[in-house]
Amino acid sequence: HIWCPGCGIGTVFSSCLSAIKATQIPYNKFAMVSGIGCSARGA
């Protein structure tokens, strides 16, 4: 990925993925949207 060493975005992204998984909602019922910026690369 593009995130720098020491950046916290990966930690937030990991928590987001873990939360999605924990809902047990089928993945085809989700959509993720982002704009522009370091964090926005998550999409």
PDB file of all heavy atoms in Angstrom:
ATOM      1  N   HIS A   1       0.828  -1.197   0.000  1.00  0.00           N
ATOM      2  CA  HIS A   1       0.000   0.000   0.000  1.00  0.00           C
ATOM      3  C   HIS A   1       0.873   1.262   0.000  1.00  0.00           C
ATOM      4  O   HIS A   1       2.106   1.185   0.086  1.00  0.00           O
ATOM      5  CB  HIS A   1      -0.938  -0.006   1.210  1.00  0.00           C
ATOM      6  CG  HIS A   1      -0.231  -0.150   2.524  1.00  0.00           C
ATOM      7  ND1 HIS A   1       0.580   0.822   3.049  1.00  0.00           N
ATOM      8  CD2 HIS A   1      -0.206  -1.185   3.413  1.00  0.00           C
ATOM      9  CE1 HIS A   1       1.060   0.435   4.206  1.00  0.00           C
ATOM     10  NE2 HIS A   1       0.607  -0.781   4.455  1.00  0.00           N
ATOM     11  N   ILE A   2       0.215   2.416  -0.062  1.00  0.00           N
ATOM     12  CA  ILE A   2       0.959   3.680  -0.170  1.00  0.00           C
ATOM     13  C   ILE A   2       1.231   4.330   1.181  1.00  0.00           C
ATOM     14  O   ILE A   2       1.918   5.343   1.255  1.00  0.00           O
ATOM     15  CB  ILE A   2       0.194   4.696  -1.038  1.00  0.00           C
ATOM     16  CG1 ILE A   2      -1.097   5.140  -0.327  1.00  0.00           C
ATOM     17  CG2 ILE A   2      -0.087   4.135  -2.420  1.00  0.00           C
ATOM     18  CD1 ILE A   2      -1.724   6.390  -0.936  1.00  0.00           C
ATOM     19  N   TRP A   3       0.698   3.774   2.277  1.00  0.00           N
ATOM     20  CA  TRP A   3       0.768   4.459   3.565  1.00  0.00           C
ATOM     21  C   TRP A   3       2.173   4.397   4.154  1.00  0.00           C
ATOM     22  O   TRP A   3       2.849   3.363   4.099  1.00  0.00           O
ATOM     23  CB  TRP A   3      -0.263   3.866   4.523  1.00  0.00           C
ATOM     24  CG  TRP A   3      -1.663   4.056   4.007  1.00  0.00           C
ATOM     25  CD1 TRP A   3      -2.161   5.162   3.398  1.00  0.00           C
ATOM     26  CD2 TRP A   3      -2.730   3.090   4.026  1.00  0.00           C
ATOM     27  NE1 TRP A   3      -3.485   4.972   3.053  1.00  0.00           N
ATOM     28  CE2 TRP A   3      -3.861   3.709   3.430  1.00  0.00           C
ATOM     29  CE3 TRP A   3      -2.851   1.794   4.497  1.00  0.00           C
ATOM     30  CZ2 TRP A   3      -5.083   3.060   3.276  1.00  0.00           C
ATOM     31  CZ3 TRP A   3      -4.066   1.140   4.355  1.00  0.00           C
ATOM     32  CH2 TRP A   3      -5.167   1.767   3.748  1.00  0.00           C
ATOM     33  N   CYS A   4       2.595   5.499   4.746  1.00  0.00           N
ATOM     34  CA  CYS A   4       3.959   5.636   5.272  1.00  0.00           C
ATOM     35  C   CYS A   4       4.143   4.836   6.564  1.00  0.00           C
ATOM     36  O   CYS A   4       3.184   4.587   7.297  1.00  0.00           O
ATOM     37  CB  CYS A   4       4.266   7.108   5.579  1.00  0.00           C
ATOM     38  SG  CYS A   4       4.083   8.224   4.176  1.00  0.00           S
ATOM     39  N   PRO A   5       5.385   4.464   6.899  1.00  0.00           N
ATOM     40  CA  PRO A   5       5.654   3.847   8.202  1.00  0.00           C
ATOM     41  C   PRO A   5       5.236   4.797   9.329  1.00  0.00           C
ATOM     42  O   PRO A   5       5.535   5.988   9.273  1.00  0.00           O
ATOM     43  CB  PRO A   5       7.175   3.635   8.188  1.00  0.00           C
ATOM     44  CG  PRO A   5       7.538   3.561   6.739  1.00  0.00           C
ATOM     45  CD  PRO A   5       6.602   4.517   6.045  1.00  0.00           C
ATOM     46  N   GLY A   6       4.545   4.267  10.316  1.00  0.00           N
ATOM     47  CA  GLY A   6       4.093   5.088  11.433  1.00  0.00           C
ATOM     48  C   GLY A   6       2.727   5.702  11.236  1.00  0.00           C
ATOM     49  O   GLY A   6       2.135   6.235  12.182  1.00  0.00           O
ATOM     50  N   CYS A   7       2.188   5.632  10.034  1.00  0.00           N
ATOM     51  CA  CYS A   7       0.847   6.157   9.752  1.00  0.00           C
ATOM     52  C   CYS A   7      -0.195   5.260  10.424  1.00  0.00           C
ATOM     53  O   CYS A   7      -0.012   4.048  10.524  1.00  0.00           O
ATOM     54  CB  CYS A   7       0.626   6.190   8.243  1.00  0.00           C
ATOM     55  SG  CYS A   7      -1.062   6.567   7.742  1.00  0.00           S
ATOM     56  N   GLY A   8      -1.298   5.850  10.860  1.00  0.00           N
ATOM     57  CA  GLY A   8      -2.331   5.078  11.543  1.00  0.00           C
ATOM     58  C   GLY A   8      -3.477   4.626  10.665  1.00  0.00           C
ATOM     59  O   GLY A   8      -4.386   3.937  11.145  1.00  0.00           O
ATOM     60  N   ILE A   9      -3.447   4.984   9.383  1.00  0.00           N
ATOM     61  CA  ILE A   9      -4.590   4.668   8.520  1.00  0.00           C
ATOM     62  C   ILE A   9      -4.808   3.162   8.418  1.00  0.00           C
ATOM     63  O   ILE A   9      -5.942   2.683   8.443  1.00  0.00           O
ATOM     64  CB  ILE A   9      -4.416   5.284   7.119  1.00  0.00           C
ATOM     65  CG1 ILE A   9      -4.346   6.805   7.217  1.00  0.00           C
ATOM     66  CG2 ILE A   9      -5.566   4.876   6.202  1.00  0.00           C
ATOM     67  CD1 ILE A   9      -3.955   7.491   5.912  1.00  0.00           C
ATOM     68  N   GLY A  10      -3.735   2.406   8.321  1.00  0.00           N
ATOM     69  CA  GLY A  10      -3.863   0.952   8.216  1.00  0.00           C
ATOM     70  C   GLY A  10      -4.576   0.346   9.412  1.00  0.00           C
ATOM     71  O   GLY A  10      -5.351  -0.613   9.273  1.00  0.00           O
ATOM     72  N   THR A  11      -4.334   0.911  10.588  1.00  0.00           N
ATOM     73  CA  THR A  11      -5.009   0.426  11.798  1.00  0.00           C
ATOM     74  C   THR A  11      -6.508   0.693  11.722  1.00  0.00           C
ATOM     75  O   THR A  11      -7.322  -0.168  12.072  1.00  0.00           O
ATOM     76  CB  THR A  11      -4.413   1.111  13.041  1.00  0.00           C
ATOM     77  OG1 THR A  11      -3.011   0.828  13.108  1.00  0.00           O
ATOM     78  CG2 THR A  11      -5.086   0.631  14.309  1.00  0.00           C
ATOM     79  N   VAL A  12      -6.881   1.889  11.268  1.00  0.00           N
ATOM     80  CA  VAL A  12      -8.304   2.219  11.122  1.00  0.00           C
ATOM     81  C   VAL A  12      -8.946   1.319  10.064  1.00  0.00           C
ATOM     82  O   VAL A  12     -10.060   0.799  10.256  1.00  0.00           O
ATOM     83  CB  VAL A  12      -8.493   3.700  10.730  1.00  0.00           C
ATOM     84  CG1 VAL A  12      -9.977   4.054  10.722  1.00  0.00           C
ATOM     85  CG2 VAL A  12      -7.734   4.611  11.678  1.00  0.00           C
ATOM     86  N   PHE A  13      -8.242   1.116   8.978  1.00  0.00           N
ATOM     87  CA  PHE A  13      -8.739   0.275   7.882  1.00  0.00           C
ATOM     88  C   PHE A  13      -8.959  -1.155   8.371  1.00  0.00           C
ATOM     89  O   PHE A  13      -9.989  -1.777   8.085  1.00  0.00           O
ATOM     90  CB  PHE A  13      -7.742   0.302   6.731  1.00  0.00           C
ATOM     91  CG  PHE A  13      -8.217  -0.359   5.473  1.00  0.00           C
ATOM     92  CD1 PHE A  13      -9.349   0.088   4.814  1.00  0.00           C
ATOM     93  CD2 PHE A  13      -7.516  -1.424   4.922  1.00  0.00           C
ATOM     94  CE1 PHE A  13      -9.788  -0.518   3.648  1.00  0.00           C
ATOM     95  CE2 PHE A  13      -7.942  -2.030   3.752  1.00  0.00           C
ATOM     96  CZ  PHE A  13      -9.075  -1.580   3.107  1.00  0.00           C
ATOM     97  N   SER A  14      -8.013  -1.670   9.148  1.00  0.00           N
ATOM     98  CA  SER A  14      -8.131  -3.020   9.687  1.00  0.00           C
ATOM     99  C   SER A  14      -9.344  -3.128  10.613  1.00  0.00           C
ATOM    100  O   SER A  14     -10.092  -4.121  10.563  1.00  0.00           O
ATOM    101  CB  SER A  14      -6.857  -3.390  10.453  1.00  0.00           C
ATOM    102  OG  SER A  14      -6.965  -4.664  11.044  1.00  0.00           O
ATOM    103  N   SER A  15      -9.558  -2.112  11.460  1.00  0.00           N
ATOM    104  CA  SER A  15     -10.733  -2.123  12.338  1.00  0.00           C
ATOM    105  C   SER A  15     -12.027  -2.097  11.532  1.00  0.00           C
ATOM    106  O   SER A  15     -13.008  -2.758  11.890  1.00  0.00           O
ATOM    107  CB  SER A  15     -10.689  -0.922  13.295  1.00  0.00           C
ATOM    108  OG  SER A  15      -9.719  -1.103  14.294  1.00  0.00           O
ATOM    109  N   CYS A  16     -12.014  -1.347  10.458  1.00  0.00           N
ATOM    110  CA  CYS A  16     -13.203  -1.267   9.595  1.00  0.00           C
ATOM    111  C   CYS A  16     -13.497  -2.628   8.971  1.00  0.00           C
ATOM    112  O   CYS A  16     -14.650  -3.089   8.973  1.00  0.00           O
ATOM    113  CB  CYS A  16     -12.990  -0.214   8.515  1.00  0.00           C
ATOM    114  SG  CYS A  16     -14.409   0.001   7.412  1.00  0.00           S
ATOM    115  N   LEU A  17     -12.469  -3.305   8.461  1.00  0.00           N
ATOM    116  CA  LEU A  17     -12.668  -4.621   7.861  1.00  0.00           C
ATOM    117  C   LEU A  17     -13.138  -5.637   8.901  1.00  0.00           C
ATOM    118  O   LEU A  17     -14.015  -6.461   8.632  1.00  0.00           O
ATOM    119  CB  LEU A  17     -11.369  -5.113   7.208  1.00  0.00           C
ATOM    120  CG  LEU A  17     -10.768  -4.257   6.100  1.00  0.00           C
ATOM    121  CD1 LEU A  17      -9.620  -4.997   5.425  1.00  0.00           C
ATOM    122  CD2 LEU A  17     -11.807  -3.866   5.066  1.00  0.00           C
ATOM    123  N   SER A  18     -12.543  -5.565  10.094  1.00  0.00           N
ATOM    124  CA  SER A  18     -12.956  -6.482  11.164  1.00  0.00           C
ATOM    125  C   SER A  18     -14.415  -6.263  11.545  1.00  0.00           C
ATOM    126  O   SER A  18     -15.158  -7.217  11.817  1.00  0.00           O
ATOM    127  CB  SER A  18     -12.063  -6.280  12.399  1.00  0.00           C
ATOM    128  OG  SER A  18     -10.720  -6.601  12.113  1.00  0.00           O
ATOM    129  N   ALA A  19     -14.842  -4.993  11.560  1.00  0.00           N
ATOM    130  CA  ALA A  19     -16.239  -4.682  11.887  1.00  0.00           C
ATOM    131  C   ALA A  19     -17.184  -5.199  10.807  1.00  0.00           C
ATOM    132  O   ALA A  19     -18.249  -5.752  11.114  1.00  0.00           O
ATOM    133  CB  ALA A  19     -16.408  -3.179  12.060  1.00  0.00           C
ATOM    134  N   ILE A  20     -16.811  -5.019   9.544  1.00  0.00           N
ATOM    135  CA  ILE A  20     -17.625  -5.539   8.437  1.00  0.00           C
ATOM    136  C   ILE A  20     -17.788  -7.038   8.574  1.00  0.00           C
ATOM    137  O   ILE A  20     -18.896  -7.589   8.454  1.00  0.00           O
ATOM    138  CB  ILE A  20     -16.984  -5.176   7.083  1.00  0.00           C
ATOM    139  CG1 ILE A  20     -17.091  -3.671   6.822  1.00  0.00           C
ATOM    140  CG2 ILE A  20     -17.620  -5.974   5.944  1.00  0.00           C
ATOM    141  CD1 ILE A  20     -16.305  -3.190   5.615  1.00  0.00           C
ATOM    142  N   LYS A  21     -16.681  -7.716   8.841  1.00  0.00           N
ATOM    143  CA  LYS A  21     -16.715  -9.183   8.976  1.00  0.00           C
ATOM    144  C   LYS A  21     -17.594  -9.602  10.149  1.00  0.00           C
ATOM    145  O   LYS A  21     -18.361 -10.572  10.057  1.00  0.00           O
ATOM    146  CB  LYS A  21     -15.285  -9.686   9.166  1.00  0.00           C
ATOM    147  CG  LYS A  21     -15.070 -11.155   8.876  1.00  0.00           C
ATOM    148  CD  LYS A  21     -13.600 -11.490   9.006  1.00  0.00           C
ATOM    149  CE  LYS A  21     -13.328 -12.938   8.594  1.00  0.00           C
ATOM    150  NZ  LYS A  21     -13.362 -13.090   7.120  1.00  0.00           N
ATOM    151  N   ALA A  22     -17.499  -8.858  11.260  1.00  0.00           N
ATOM    152  CA  ALA A  22     -18.238  -9.221  12.475  1.00  0.00           C
ATOM    153  C   ALA A  22     -19.744  -9.068  12.313  1.00  0.00           C
ATOM    154  O   ALA A  22     -20.517  -9.720  13.029  1.00  0.00           O
ATOM    155  CB  ALA A  22     -17.755  -8.377  13.648  1.00  0.00           C
ATOM    156  N   THR A  23     -20.195  -8.231  11.389  1.00  0.00           N
ATOM    157  CA  THR A  23     -21.642  -8.068  11.195  1.00  0.00           C
ATOM    158  C   THR A  23     -22.291  -9.320  10.623  1.00  0.00           C
ATOM    159  O   THR A  23     -23.504  -9.509  10.768  1.00  0.00           O
ATOM    160  CB  THR A  23     -21.954  -6.898  10.245  1.00  0.00           C
ATOM    161  OG1 THR A  23     -21.468  -7.212   8.928  1.00  0.00           O
ATOM    162  CG2 THR A  23     -21.337  -5.590  10.744  1.00  0.00           C
ATOM    163  N   GLN A  24     -21.479 -10.144   9.921  1.00  0.00           N
ATOM    164  CA  GLN A  24     -21.963 -11.361   9.245  1.00  0.00           C
ATOM    165  C   GLN A  24     -22.971 -11.049   8.147  1.00  0.00           C
ATOM    166  O   GLN A  24     -23.717 -11.919   7.703  1.00  0.00           O
ATOM    167  CB  GLN A  24     -22.545 -12.358  10.255  1.00  0.00           C
ATOM    168  CG  GLN A  24     -21.528 -12.840  11.281  1.00  0.00           C
ATOM    169  CD  GLN A  24     -22.068 -13.935  12.177  1.00  0.00           C
ATOM    170  OE1 GLN A  24     -23.279 -14.068  12.385  1.00  0.00           O
ATOM    171  NE2 GLN A  24     -21.182 -14.753  12.719  1.00  0.00           N
ATOM    172  N   ILE A  25     -22.982  -9.793   7.715  1.00  0.00           N
ATOM    173  CA  ILE A  25     -23.808  -9.399   6.573  1.00  0.00           C
ATOM    174  C   ILE A  25     -23.069  -9.814   5.305  1.00  0.00           C
ATOM    175  O   ILE A  25     -21.844  -9.624   5.210  1.00  0.00           O
ATOM    176  CB  ILE A  25     -24.055  -7.875   6.581  1.00  0.00           C
ATOM    177  CG1 ILE A  25     -24.839  -7.474   7.830  1.00  0.00           C
ATOM    178  CG2 ILE A  25     -24.788  -7.429   5.319  1.00  0.00           C
ATOM    179  CD1 ILE A  25     -24.936  -5.971   8.036  1.00  0.00           C
ATOM    180  N   PRO A  26     -23.748 -10.389   4.317  1.00  0.00           N
ATOM    181  CA  PRO A  26     -23.069 -10.790   3.073  1.00  0.00           C
ATOM    182  C   PRO A  26     -22.309  -9.616   2.443  1.00  0.00           C
ATOM    183  O   PRO A  26     -22.798  -8.483   2.431  1.00  0.00           O
ATOM    184  CB  PRO A  26     -24.220 -11.252   2.173  1.00  0.00           C
ATOM    185  CG  PRO A  26     -25.292 -11.679   3.130  1.00  0.00           C
ATOM    186  CD  PRO A  26     -25.179 -10.749   4.298  1.00  0.00           C
ATOM    187  N   TYR A  27     -21.120  -9.903   1.955  1.00  0.00           N
ATOM    188  CA  TYR A  27     -20.267  -8.844   1.408  1.00  0.00           C
ATOM    189  C   TYR A  27     -20.892  -8.132   0.210  1.00  0.00           C
ATOM    190  O   TYR A  27     -20.584  -6.966  -0.057  1.00  0.00           O
ATOM    191  CB  TYR A  27     -18.904  -9.416   1.015  1.00  0.00           C
ATOM    192  CG  TYR A  27     -18.066  -9.879   2.186  1.00  0.00           C
ATOM    193  CD1 TYR A  27     -17.011 -10.759   2.003  1.00  0.00           C
ATOM    194  CD2 TYR A  27     -18.327  -9.437   3.488  1.00  0.00           C
ATOM    195  CE1 TYR A  27     -16.229 -11.188   3.066  1.00  0.00           C
ATOM    196  CE2 TYR A  27     -17.565  -9.862   4.555  1.00  0.00           C
ATOM    197  CZ  TYR A  27     -16.514 -10.741   4.340  1.00  0.00           C
ATOM    198  OH  TYR A  27     -15.748 -11.156   5.399  1.00  0.00           O
ATOM    199  N   ASN A  28     -21.777  -8.832  -0.512  1.00  0.00           N
ATOM    200  CA  ASN A  28     -22.396  -8.183  -1.671  1.00  0.00           C
ATOM    201  C   ASN A  28     -23.472  -7.180  -1.268  1.00  0.00           C
ATOM    202  O   ASN A  28     -24.103  -6.552  -2.125  1.00  0.00           O
ATOM    203  CB  ASN A  28     -22.956  -9.211  -2.652  1.00  0.00           C
ATOM    204  CG  ASN A  28     -24.082 -10.059  -2.063  1.00  0.00           C
ATOM    205  OD1 ASN A  28     -24.437  -9.908  -0.890  1.00  0.00           O
ATOM    206  ND2 ASN A  28     -24.634 -10.954  -2.871  1.00  0.00           N
ATOM    207  N   LYS A  29     -23.683  -7.025   0.049  1.00  0.00           N
ATOM    208  CA  LYS A  29     -24.621  -6.016   0.551  1.00  0.00           C
ATOM    209  C   LYS A  29     -23.893  -4.755   1.022  1.00  0.00           C
ATOM    210  O   LYS A  29     -24.507  -3.880   1.638  1.00  0.00           O
ATOM    211  CB  LYS A  29     -25.447  -6.584   1.705  1.00  0.00           C
ATOM    212  CG  LYS A  29     -26.354  -7.745   1.316  1.00  0.00           C
ATOM    213  CD  LYS A  29     -27.418  -7.313   0.327  1.00  0.00           C
ATOM    214  CE  LYS A  29     -28.385  -8.453   0.017  1.00  0.00           C
ATOM    215  NZ  LYS A  29     -29.418  -8.029  -0.975  1.00  0.00           N
ATOM    216  N   PHE A  30     -22.600  -4.673   0.733  1.00  0.00           N
ATOM    217  CA  PHE A  30     -21.799  -3.517   1.131  1.00  0.00           C
ATOM    218  C   PHE A  30     -21.293  -2.743  -0.082  1.00  0.00           C
ATOM    219  O   PHE A  30     -21.123  -3.293  -1.169  1.00  0.00           O
ATOM    220  CB  PHE A  30     -20.566  -3.959   1.932  1.00  0.00           C
ATOM    221  CG  PHE A  30     -20.837  -4.339   3.357  1.00  0.00           C
ATOM    222  CD1 PHE A  30     -21.080  -5.663   3.704  1.00  0.00           C
ATOM    223  CD2 PHE A  30     -20.835  -3.375   4.361  1.00  0.00           C
ATOM    224  CE1 PHE A  30     -21.313  -6.022   5.021  1.00  0.00           C
ATOM    225  CE2 PHE A  30     -21.067  -3.727   5.680  1.00  0.00           C
ATOM    226  CZ  PHE A  30     -21.310  -5.048   6.014  1.00  0.00           C
ATOM    227  N   ALA A  31     -21.035  -1.461   0.148  1.00  0.00           N
ATOM    228  CA  ALA A  31     -20.298  -0.641  -0.809  1.00  0.00           C
ATOM    229  C   ALA A  31     -19.459   0.344  -0.006  1.00  0.00           C
ATOM    230  O   ALA A  31     -19.910   0.849   1.029  1.00  0.00           O
ATOM    231  CB  ALA A  31     -21.232   0.106  -1.748  1.00  0.00           C
ATOM    232  N   MET A  32     -18.246   0.593  -0.454  1.00  0.00           N
ATOM    233  CA  MET A  32     -17.387   1.584   0.204  1.00  0.00           C
ATOM    234  C   MET A  32     -17.058   2.682  -0.792  1.00  0.00           C
ATOM    235  O   MET A  32     -16.755   2.418  -1.962  1.00  0.00           O
ATOM    236  CB  MET A  32     -16.096   0.962   0.726  1.00  0.00           C
ATOM    237  CG  MET A  32     -15.162   1.973   1.395  1.00  0.00           C
ATOM    238  SD  MET A  32     -13.653   1.268   2.121  1.00  0.00           S
ATOM    239  CE  MET A  32     -14.309   0.605   3.641  1.00  0.00           C
ATOM    240  N   VAL A  33     -17.121   3.930  -0.313  1.00  0.00           N
ATOM    241  CA  VAL A  33     -16.862   5.098  -1.150  1.00  0.00           C
ATOM    242  C   VAL A  33     -15.814   5.974  -0.472  1.00  0.00           C
ATOM    243  O   VAL A  33     -15.814   6.116   0.752  1.00  0.00           O
ATOM    244  CB  VAL A  33     -18.154   5.919  -1.373  1.00  0.00           C
ATOM    245  CG1 VAL A  33     -17.900   7.086  -2.328  1.00  0.00           C
ATOM    246  CG2 VAL A  33     -19.270   5.034  -1.905  1.00  0.00           C
ATOM    247  N   SER A  34     -14.922   6.541  -1.268  1.00  0.00           N
ATOM    248  CA  SER A  34     -13.952   7.488  -0.717  1.00  0.00           C
ATOM    249  C   SER A  34     -13.739   8.620  -1.708  1.00  0.00           C
ATOM    250  O   SER A  34     -14.143   8.536  -2.864  1.00  0.00           O
ATOM    251  CB  SER A  34     -12.616   6.782  -0.436  1.00  0.00           C
ATOM    252  OG  SER A  34     -12.003   6.408  -1.647  1.00  0.00           O
ATOM    253  N   GLY A  35     -13.101   9.682  -1.222  1.00  0.00           N
ATOM    254  CA  GLY A  35     -12.782  10.810  -2.088  1.00  0.00           C
ATOM    255  C   GLY A  35     -11.325  10.740  -2.516  1.00  0.00           C
ATOM    256  O   GLY A  35     -10.889   9.759  -3.101  1.00  0.00           O
ATOM    257  N   ILE A  36     -10.557  11.769  -2.176  1.00  0.00           N
ATOM    258  CA  ILE A  36      -9.137  11.809  -2.536  1.00  0.00           C
ATOM    259  C   ILE A  36      -8.323  12.054  -1.270  1.00  0.00           C
ATOM    260  O   ILE A  36      -8.722  12.835  -0.407  1.00  0.00           O
ATOM    261  CB  ILE A  36      -8.856  12.931  -3.554  1.00  0.00           C
ATOM    262  CG1 ILE A  36      -9.598  12.659  -4.869  1.00  0.00           C
ATOM    263  CG2 ILE A  36      -7.365  13.070  -3.822  1.00  0.00           C
ATOM    264  CD1 ILE A  36      -9.176  11.407  -5.597  1.00  0.00           C
ATOM    265  N   GLY A  37      -7.183  11.406  -1.176  1.00  0.00           N
ATOM    266  CA  GLY A  37      -6.300  11.587  -0.031  1.00  0.00           C
ATOM    267  C   GLY A  37      -5.713  10.264   0.408  1.00  0.00           C
ATOM    268  O   GLY A  37      -6.067   9.201  -0.119  1.00  0.00           O
ATOM    269  N   CYS A  38      -4.809  10.308   1.386  1.00  0.00           N
ATOM    270  CA  CYS A  38      -4.170   9.079   1.867  1.00  0.00           C
ATOM    271  C   CYS A  38      -5.214   8.083   2.382  1.00  0.00           C
ATOM    272  O   CYS A  38      -5.213   6.917   2.002  1.00  0.00           O
ATOM    273  CB  CYS A  38      -3.181   9.398   2.979  1.00  0.00           C
ATOM    274  SG  CYS A  38      -1.805  10.463   2.504  1.00  0.00           S
ATOM    275  N   SER A  39      -6.099   8.546   3.250  1.00  0.00           N
ATOM    276  CA  SER A  39      -7.118   7.660   3.826  1.00  0.00           C
ATOM    277  C   SER A  39      -8.041   7.114   2.750  1.00  0.00           C
ATOM    278  O   SER A  39      -8.504   5.967   2.824  1.00  0.00           O
ATOM    279  CB  SER A  39      -7.942   8.407   4.877  1.00  0.00           C
ATOM    280  OG  SER A  39      -7.121   8.962   5.876  1.00  0.00           O
ATOM    281  N   ALA A  40      -8.303   7.929   1.750  1.00  0.00           N
ATOM    282  CA  ALA A  40      -9.248   7.549   0.703  1.00  0.00           C
ATOM    283  C   ALA A  40      -8.761   6.381  -0.144  1.00  0.00           C
ATOM    284  O   ALA A  40      -9.550   5.786  -0.887  1.00  0.00           O
ATOM    285  CB  ALA A  40      -9.540   8.757  -0.190  1.00  0.00           C
ATOM    286  N   ARG A  41      -7.496   6.030  -0.020  1.00  0.00           N
ATOM    287  CA  ARG A  41      -7.013   4.872  -0.761  1.00  0.00           C
ATOM    288  C   ARG A  41      -7.626   3.575  -0.236  1.00  0.00           C
ATOM    289  O   ARG A  41      -7.548   2.531  -0.882  1.00  0.00           O
ATOM    290  CB  ARG A  41      -5.479   4.787  -0.678  1.00  0.00           C
ATOM    291  CG  ARG A  41      -4.758   5.852  -1.484  1.00  0.00           C
ATOM    292  CD  ARG A  41      -5.164   5.843  -2.943  1.00  0.00           C
ATOM    293  NE  ARG A  41      -4.978   4.541  -3.557  1.00  0.00           N
ATOM    294  CZ  ARG A  41      -5.682   4.096  -4.590  1.00  0.00           C
ATOM    295  NH1 ARG A  41      -6.638   4.843  -5.118  1.00  0.00           N
ATOM    296  NH2 ARG A  41      -5.444   2.903  -5.095  1.00  0.00           N
ATOM    297  N   GLY A  42      -8.250   3.642   0.957  1.00  0.00           N
ATOM    298  CA  GLY A  42      -8.867   2.446   1.513  1.00  0.00           C
ATOM    299  C   GLY A  42      -9.865   1.802   0.569  1.00  0.00           C
ATOM    300  O   GLY A  42      -9.961   0.570   0.488  1.00  0.00           O
ATOM    301  N   ALA A  43     -10.610   2.609  -0.166  1.00  0.00           N
ATOM    302  CA  ALA A  43     -11.604   2.066  -1.095  1.00  0.00           C
ATOM    303  C   ALA A  43     -10.955   1.232  -2.191  1.00  0.00           C
ATOM    304  O   ALA A  43     -11.590   0.338  -2.755  1.00  0.00           O
ATOM    305  CB  ALA A  43     -12.422   3.197  -1.710  1.00  0.00           C
TER     306      ALA A  43
END
